[in-house]
Amino acid sequence: MNLQANFRQNKIGELKEDVQVLSSLEVAEMVGREHKNIMRDILNIASHLGGLLKVEPTYFIESSYINSQNKEMPCFLLTKKGCELYGTRMIGAKGTQFAVAYIERFNSMERELSNLNKPSYQIEDEILRAERWIEERKEKILLEEKLEEQKPKVFLADSISGSIDSI
């Protein structure tokens, strides 16, 4: 799932495409708490860091989402470092469960990113390999169509070039 598509442009600036994040909504779901409590916790952590939120968004990124009533609501996007920081503040079973959940999610996102530039035959996951093969096939068909379109122009250029060379 492309999380970035579900959120408005964050208030700090645009996310880089390769930035992996979880939303504070997902974190709330993972730890079984209300979103407003997660928001409060993040603001509290940021205040302990001297407002790091505004200075360098490497942990928590201000953002927003559209709720079921079609209203824009605030949320945070947590980077891997943000999840690690948030997770260290939790104790007991919930903390352990959250740590396992975010580790699995980020590892999954990293695998997906690493597979983006691999040729299909190098991807181990059968479904991802098939999806990548389909993309490669579509690209090849487009290139073949462009090549076919260019043949008359290439032929003309070759014949003009050949006639100039014979002079």
C-alpha atoms as a PDB file:
ATOM      1  CA  MET A   1       0.000   0.000   0.000  1.00  0.00           C
ATOM      2  CA  ASN A   2       1.370   3.403  -0.907  1.00  0.00           C
ATOM      3  CA  LEU A   3       0.809   5.374   2.267  1.00  0.00           C
ATOM      4  CA  GLN A   4       1.909   8.651   0.767  1.00  0.00           C
ATOM      5  CA  ALA A   5      -1.104   8.644  -1.550  1.00  0.00           C
ATOM      6  CA  ASN A   6      -3.475   8.577   1.439  1.00  0.00           C
ATOM      7  CA  PHE A   7      -2.168  11.772   2.985  1.00  0.00           C
ATOM      8  CA  ARG A   8      -2.156  15.419   2.056  1.00  0.00           C
ATOM      9  CA  GLN A   9       1.204  17.051   1.392  1.00  0.00           C
ATOM     10  CA  ASN A  10       2.868  17.305   4.752  1.00  0.00           C
ATOM     11  CA  LYS A  11       3.326  20.761   6.215  1.00  0.00           C
ATOM     12  CA  ILE A  12       7.142  20.556   6.295  1.00  0.00           C
ATOM     13  CA  GLY A  13       7.552  19.730   2.607  1.00  0.00           C
ATOM     14  CA  GLU A  14       7.050  16.913   0.193  1.00  0.00           C
ATOM     15  CA  LEU A  15       8.076  13.418   1.124  1.00  0.00           C
ATOM     16  CA  LYS A  16      10.864  11.921  -0.907  1.00  0.00           C
ATOM     17  CA  GLU A  17       9.674   8.885  -2.807  1.00  0.00           C
ATOM     18  CA  ASP A  18      12.029   6.573  -0.975  1.00  0.00           C
ATOM     19  CA  VAL A  19      11.004   7.704   2.521  1.00  0.00           C
ATOM     20  CA  GLN A  20       9.285   4.881   4.328  1.00  0.00           C
ATOM     21  CA  VAL A  21       6.677   5.938   6.868  1.00  0.00           C
ATOM     22  CA  LEU A  22       3.824   4.668   8.971  1.00  0.00           C
ATOM     23  CA  SER A  23       0.971   7.005   9.777  1.00  0.00           C
ATOM     24  CA  SER A  24       0.001   7.793  13.340  1.00  0.00           C
ATOM     25  CA  LEU A  25      -3.354   6.205  12.425  1.00  0.00           C
ATOM     26  CA  GLU A  26      -1.609   2.908  11.694  1.00  0.00           C
ATOM     27  CA  VAL A  27       0.386   3.171  14.911  1.00  0.00           C
ATOM     28  CA  ALA A  28      -2.854   3.707  16.856  1.00  0.00           C
ATOM     29  CA  GLU A  29      -4.289   0.588  15.257  1.00  0.00           C
ATOM     30  CA  MET A  30      -1.118  -1.422  15.925  1.00  0.00           C
ATOM     31  CA  VAL A  31      -1.033  -0.563  19.626  1.00  0.00           C
ATOM     32  CA  GLY A  32      -4.788  -0.562  20.203  1.00  0.00           C
ATOM     33  CA  ARG A  33      -5.034   3.060  21.326  1.00  0.00           C
ATOM     34  CA  GLU A  34      -7.043   6.057  20.189  1.00  0.00           C
ATOM     35  CA  HIS A  35      -5.402   8.227  17.546  1.00  0.00           C
ATOM     36  CA  LYS A  36      -5.706  11.354  19.695  1.00  0.00           C
ATOM     37  CA  ASN A  37      -3.541   9.657  22.353  1.00  0.00           C
ATOM     38  CA  ILE A  38      -0.872   8.759  19.791  1.00  0.00           C
ATOM     39  CA  MET A  39      -0.889  12.380  18.575  1.00  0.00           C
ATOM     40  CA  ARG A  40      -0.498  13.606  22.160  1.00  0.00           C
ATOM     41  CA  ASP A  41       2.389  11.183  22.764  1.00  0.00           C
ATOM     42  CA  ILE A  42       4.219  12.312  19.629  1.00  0.00           C
ATOM     43  CA  LEU A  43       3.816  15.993  20.498  1.00  0.00           C
ATOM     44  CA  ASN A  44       5.081  15.214  24.003  1.00  0.00           C
ATOM     45  CA  ILE A  45       8.146  13.359  22.665  1.00  0.00           C
ATOM     46  CA  ALA A  46       8.856  16.213  20.230  1.00  0.00           C
ATOM     47  CA  SER A  47       8.684  18.749  23.054  1.00  0.00           C
ATOM     48  CA  HIS A  48      11.256  16.710  25.018  1.00  0.00           C
ATOM     49  CA  LEU A  49      13.527  16.996  22.002  1.00  0.00           C
ATOM     50  CA  GLY A  50      13.248  20.771  21.938  1.00  0.00           C
ATOM     51  CA  GLY A  51      10.768  20.893  19.081  1.00  0.00           C
ATOM     52  CA  LEU A  52      12.768  18.617  16.773  1.00  0.00           C
ATOM     53  CA  LEU A  53       9.528  18.220  14.847  1.00  0.00           C
ATOM     54  CA  LYS A  54       9.947  21.657  13.260  1.00  0.00           C
ATOM     55  CA  VAL A  55      13.715  21.559  12.839  1.00  0.00           C
ATOM     56  CA  GLU A  56      14.454  18.202  11.272  1.00  0.00           C
ATOM     57  CA  PRO A  57      11.585  15.855  10.373  1.00  0.00           C
ATOM     58  CA  THR A  58      13.620  12.663  10.576  1.00  0.00           C
ATOM     59  CA  TYR A  59      11.385  11.180  13.273  1.00  0.00           C
ATOM     60  CA  PHE A  60       7.878  12.615  12.928  1.00  0.00           C
ATOM     61  CA  ILE A  61       6.453  14.510   9.951  1.00  0.00           C
ATOM     62  CA  GLU A  62       3.371  16.674  10.289  1.00  0.00           C
ATOM     63  CA  SER A  63       0.707  15.681   7.814  1.00  0.00           C
ATOM     64  CA  SER A  64      -3.054  15.360   7.477  1.00  0.00           C
ATOM     65  CA  TYR A  65      -5.652  12.944   6.186  1.00  0.00           C
ATOM     66  CA  ILE A  66      -9.287  13.115   5.115  1.00  0.00           C
ATOM     67  CA  ASN A  67     -11.605  11.438   7.614  1.00  0.00           C
ATOM     68  CA  SER A  68     -14.910   9.672   6.917  1.00  0.00           C
ATOM     69  CA  GLN A  69     -16.793  13.000   7.194  1.00  0.00           C
ATOM     70  CA  ASN A  70     -14.526  14.388   4.426  1.00  0.00           C
ATOM     71  CA  LYS A  71     -12.744  16.724   6.876  1.00  0.00           C
ATOM     72  CA  GLU A  72      -9.012  17.302   6.855  1.00  0.00           C
ATOM     73  CA  MET A  73      -7.535  16.115  10.146  1.00  0.00           C
ATOM     74  CA  PRO A  74      -3.976  16.295  11.498  1.00  0.00           C
ATOM     75  CA  CYS A  75      -1.779  13.248  11.775  1.00  0.00           C
ATOM     76  CA  PHE A  76       1.900  12.392  11.805  1.00  0.00           C
ATOM     77  CA  LEU A  77       3.971  10.232   9.542  1.00  0.00           C
ATOM     78  CA  LEU A  78       6.545   8.277  11.536  1.00  0.00           C
ATOM     79  CA  THR A  79       9.825   7.342   9.918  1.00  0.00           C
ATOM     80  CA  LYS A  80      11.601   4.190  10.999  1.00  0.00           C
ATOM     81  CA  LYS A  81      13.563   6.292  13.501  1.00  0.00           C
ATOM     82  CA  GLY A  82      10.275   7.764  14.742  1.00  0.00           C
ATOM     83  CA  CYS A  83       8.805   4.298  15.260  1.00  0.00           C
ATOM     84  CA  GLU A  84      11.925   3.210  17.109  1.00  0.00           C
ATOM     85  CA  LEU A  85      11.751   6.279  19.334  1.00  0.00           C
ATOM     86  CA  TYR A  86       8.029   5.851  19.952  1.00  0.00           C
ATOM     87  CA  GLY A  87       8.500   2.137  20.634  1.00  0.00           C
ATOM     88  CA  THR A  88      11.185   2.740  23.271  1.00  0.00           C
ATOM     89  CA  ARG A  89       8.616   4.676  25.292  1.00  0.00           C
ATOM     90  CA  MET A  90       6.271   1.696  25.478  1.00  0.00           C
ATOM     91  CA  ILE A  91       6.717  -1.075  28.006  1.00  0.00           C
ATOM     92  CA  GLY A  92       5.301  -4.544  28.432  1.00  0.00           C
ATOM     93  CA  ALA A  93       3.478  -6.680  25.900  1.00  0.00           C
ATOM     94  CA  LYS A  94       2.071  -3.721  23.916  1.00  0.00           C
ATOM     95  CA  GLY A  95       5.571  -2.303  23.447  1.00  0.00           C
ATOM     96  CA  THR A  96       6.938  -5.635  22.287  1.00  0.00           C
ATOM     97  CA  GLN A  97       3.990  -6.197  19.926  1.00  0.00           C
ATOM     98  CA  PHE A  98       4.414  -2.719  18.450  1.00  0.00           C
ATOM     99  CA  ALA A  99       8.162  -3.252  17.974  1.00  0.00           C
ATOM    100  CA  VAL A 100       7.559  -6.526  16.119  1.00  0.00           C
ATOM    101  CA  ALA A 101       4.786  -4.983  13.989  1.00  0.00           C
ATOM    102  CA  TYR A 102       6.741  -1.919  12.877  1.00  0.00           C
ATOM    103  CA  ILE A 103       9.908  -3.955  12.246  1.00  0.00           C
ATOM    104  CA  GLU A 104       7.942  -6.309   9.989  1.00  0.00           C
ATOM    105  CA  ARG A 105       6.275  -3.397   8.141  1.00  0.00           C
ATOM    106  CA  PHE A 106       9.533  -1.554   7.505  1.00  0.00           C
ATOM    107  CA  ASN A 107      11.291  -4.749   6.417  1.00  0.00           C
ATOM    108  CA  SER A 108       8.423  -5.391   4.003  1.00  0.00           C
ATOM    109  CA  MET A 109       8.676  -1.845   2.615  1.00  0.00           C
ATOM    110  CA  GLU A 110      12.448  -2.235   2.205  1.00  0.00           C
ATOM    111  CA  ARG A 111      11.970  -5.513   0.313  1.00  0.00           C
ATOM    112  CA  GLU A 112       9.452  -3.851  -1.997  1.00  0.00           C
ATOM    113  CA  LEU A 113      11.823  -0.948  -2.653  1.00  0.00           C
ATOM    114  CA  SER A 114      14.742  -3.266  -3.352  1.00  0.00           C
ATOM    115  CA  ASN A 115      12.609  -5.204  -5.842  1.00  0.00           C
ATOM    116  CA  LEU A 116      11.568  -2.082  -7.781  1.00  0.00           C
ATOM    117  CA  ASN A 117      14.787  -1.893  -9.783  1.00  0.00           C
ATOM    118  CA  LYS A 118      15.505  -5.600 -10.055  1.00  0.00           C
ATOM    119  CA  PRO A 119      14.727  -7.458 -13.258  1.00  0.00           C
ATOM    120  CA  SER A 120      11.861  -9.892 -12.810  1.00  0.00           C
ATOM    121  CA  TYR A 121      14.049 -12.996 -12.902  1.00  0.00           C
ATOM    122  CA  GLN A 122      15.919 -11.801  -9.775  1.00  0.00           C
ATOM    123  CA  ILE A 123      12.806 -11.381  -7.600  1.00  0.00           C
ATOM    124  CA  GLU A 124      12.163 -14.314  -5.285  1.00  0.00           C
ATOM    125  CA  ASP A 125       8.526 -13.625  -4.414  1.00  0.00           C
ATOM    126  CA  GLU A 126       6.432 -15.266  -7.158  1.00  0.00           C
ATOM    127  CA  ILE A 127       3.699 -12.630  -7.195  1.00  0.00           C
ATOM    128  CA  LEU A 128       6.129  -9.683  -7.224  1.00  0.00           C
ATOM    129  CA  ARG A 129       8.169 -11.468  -9.922  1.00  0.00           C
ATOM    130  CA  ALA A 130       5.048 -11.910 -12.074  1.00  0.00           C
ATOM    131  CA  GLU A 131       3.986  -8.287 -11.558  1.00  0.00           C
ATOM    132  CA  ARG A 132       7.473  -7.043 -12.476  1.00  0.00           C
ATOM    133  CA  TRP A 133       7.533  -9.328 -15.561  1.00  0.00           C
ATOM    134  CA  ILE A 134       4.216  -7.821 -16.714  1.00  0.00           C
ATOM    135  CA  GLU A 135       5.662  -4.307 -16.310  1.00  0.00           C
ATOM    136  CA  GLU A 136       8.780  -5.324 -18.259  1.00  0.00           C
ATOM    137  CA  ARG A 137       6.647  -6.848 -21.015  1.00  0.00           C
ATOM    138  CA  LYS A 138       4.534  -3.679 -21.334  1.00  0.00           C
ATOM    139  CA  GLU A 139       7.704  -1.559 -21.538  1.00  0.00           C
ATOM    140  CA  LYS A 140       9.112  -3.868 -24.232  1.00  0.00           C
ATOM    141  CA  ILE A 141       5.909  -3.674 -26.296  1.00  0.00           C
ATOM    142  CA  LEU A 142       5.938   0.140 -26.095  1.00  0.00           C
ATOM    143  CA  LEU A 143       9.569   0.236 -27.220  1.00  0.00           C
ATOM    144  CA  GLU A 144       8.845  -2.127 -30.113  1.00  0.00           C
ATOM    145  CA  GLU A 145       5.926   0.074 -31.202  1.00  0.00           C
ATOM    146  CA  LYS A 146       8.154   3.181 -31.106  1.00  0.00           C
ATOM    147  CA  LEU A 147      10.824   1.365 -33.094  1.00  0.00           C
ATOM    148  CA  GLU A 148       8.269   0.348 -35.716  1.00  0.00           C
ATOM    149  CA  GLU A 149       7.077   3.980 -35.913  1.00  0.00           C
ATOM    150  CA  GLN A 150      10.643   5.176 -36.424  1.00  0.00           C
ATOM    151  CA  LYS A 151      11.539   2.704 -39.232  1.00  0.00           C
ATOM    152  CA  PRO A 152      10.387   4.944 -42.142  1.00  0.00           C
ATOM    153  CA  LYS A 153      12.272   7.913 -40.699  1.00  0.00           C
ATOM    154  CA  VAL A 154      15.414   5.841 -40.204  1.00  0.00           C
ATOM    155  CA  PHE A 155      15.128   4.464 -43.755  1.00  0.00           C
ATOM    156  CA  LEU A 156      14.758   8.005 -45.136  1.00  0.00           C
ATOM    157  CA  ALA A 157      17.698   9.276 -43.085  1.00  0.00           C
ATOM    158  CA  ASP A 158      19.841   6.325 -44.248  1.00  0.00           C
ATOM    159  CA  SER A 159      18.956   6.873 -47.892  1.00  0.00           C
ATOM    160  CA  ILE A 160      19.684  10.620 -47.670  1.00  0.00           C
ATOM    161  CA  SER A 161      22.947   9.895 -45.884  1.00  0.00           C
ATOM    162  CA  GLY A 162      23.889   7.312 -48.520  1.00  0.00           C
ATOM    163  CA  SER A 163      23.168   9.674 -51.394  1.00  0.00           C
ATOM    164  CA  ILE A 164      25.264  12.418 -49.773  1.00  0.00           C
ATOM    165  CA  ASP A 165      28.162  10.006 -49.284  1.00  0.00           C
ATOM    166  CA  SER A 166      28.129   9.060 -52.982  1.00  0.00           C
ATOM    167  CA  ILE A 167      28.590  12.682 -54.117  1.00  0.00           C
END
